[in-house]
């Protein structure tokens, strides 16, 4: 899973809108994350397009545990190396 989070962090460097999503999720309380997770599941329930499936997987991962915070930490550590 660490490699997938590293990929997300790498894409966030290029895509500011994705970074903003990760930041927003990281700032959510556990209750807000659970509510958002329910909405994500409902939205993607009958979606079969590859893009939709990738988006669902992104949200599923980023909402799990403290993964959004971990991605931000990876970005911070990477920027400290420069």
Protein backbone atom coordinates (compact mmCIF):
# COMPACT_ATOMS: atom_id res chain seq x y z
CA UNK A 1 0.00 0.00 0.00
CA UNK A 2 2.92 2.32 0.69
CA UNK A 3 3.84 2.30 -3.00
CA UNK A 4 0.30 3.35 -3.97
CA UNK A 5 0.43 6.23 -1.48
CA UNK A 6 3.78 7.26 -2.96
CA UNK A 7 2.18 7.27 -6.42
CA UNK A 8 -0.64 9.48 -5.12
CA UNK A 9 1.92 11.83 -3.55
CA UNK A 10 3.82 11.96 -6.84
CA UNK A 11 0.69 12.86 -8.79
CA UNK A 12 -0.20 15.53 -6.20
CA UNK A 13 3.03 17.33 -7.09
CA UNK A 14 1.74 17.72 -10.66
CA UNK A 15 -1.98 18.12 -9.96
CA UNK A 16 -2.90 20.90 -7.52
CA UNK A 17 -6.60 19.97 -7.52
CA UNK A 18 -5.77 16.44 -6.38
CA UNK A 19 -3.52 17.89 -3.68
CA UNK A 20 -6.38 20.08 -2.47
CA UNK A 21 -8.62 17.00 -2.19
CA UNK A 22 -5.99 15.18 -0.14
CA UNK A 23 -5.55 18.22 2.12
CA UNK A 24 -9.29 18.51 2.62
CA UNK A 25 -9.67 14.82 3.50
CA UNK A 26 -6.71 15.08 5.89
CA UNK A 27 -8.45 17.91 7.71
CA UNK A 28 -11.71 15.98 8.16
CA UNK A 29 -12.74 14.52 11.48
CA UNK A 30 -13.36 10.77 11.70
CA UNK A 31 -17.11 11.41 11.57
CA UNK A 32 -16.78 13.59 8.48
CA UNK A 33 -14.65 10.92 6.79
CA UNK A 34 -17.25 8.24 7.52
CA UNK A 35 -20.03 10.43 6.10
CA UNK A 36 -17.96 11.25 3.01
CA UNK A 37 -17.06 7.56 2.58
CA UNK A 38 -20.79 6.75 2.52
CA UNK A 39 -21.39 9.41 -0.13
CA UNK A 40 -18.46 8.15 -2.23
CA UNK A 41 -19.78 4.58 -2.12
CA UNK A 42 -23.26 5.74 -3.12
CA UNK A 43 -21.92 7.88 -5.98
CA UNK A 44 -19.73 5.15 -7.46
CA UNK A 45 -22.11 2.24 -6.76
CA UNK A 46 -23.15 1.49 -10.35
CA UNK A 47 -20.20 3.07 -12.13
CA UNK A 48 -18.24 0.79 -14.42
CA UNK A 49 -16.14 3.21 -16.46
CA UNK A 50 -12.39 2.75 -15.89
CA UNK A 51 -11.96 6.39 -14.90
CA UNK A 52 -14.75 6.10 -12.34
CA UNK A 53 -13.24 2.92 -10.92
CA UNK A 54 -9.86 4.62 -10.57
CA UNK A 55 -11.46 7.61 -8.86
CA UNK A 56 -13.33 5.31 -6.48
CA UNK A 57 -10.11 3.47 -5.62
CA UNK A 58 -8.37 6.81 -4.97
CA UNK A 59 -11.11 7.94 -2.59
CA UNK A 60 -11.29 4.54 -0.91
CA UNK A 61 -7.56 4.61 -0.20
CA UNK A 62 -7.33 8.24 0.82
CA UNK A 63 -10.25 7.88 3.26
CA UNK A 64 -8.81 4.74 4.87
CA UNK A 65 -7.01 5.09 8.22
CA UNK A 66 -4.77 8.16 8.11
CA UNK A 67 -3.70 7.73 4.49
CA UNK A 68 -4.41 11.34 3.48
CA UNK A 69 -2.17 12.52 6.29
CA UNK A 70 0.48 9.99 5.24
CA UNK A 71 0.44 11.33 1.67
CA UNK A 72 0.91 14.89 2.96
CA UNK A 73 3.77 13.72 5.17
CA UNK A 74 5.43 12.07 2.15
CA UNK A 75 5.11 15.33 0.21
CA UNK A 76 6.56 17.30 3.12
CA UNK A 77 9.50 14.91 3.47
CA UNK A 78 10.15 15.11 -0.27
CA UNK A 79 10.10 18.91 -0.26
CA UNK A 80 12.55 18.95 2.67
CA UNK A 81 15.04 16.96 0.56
CA UNK A 82 15.15 19.67 -2.10
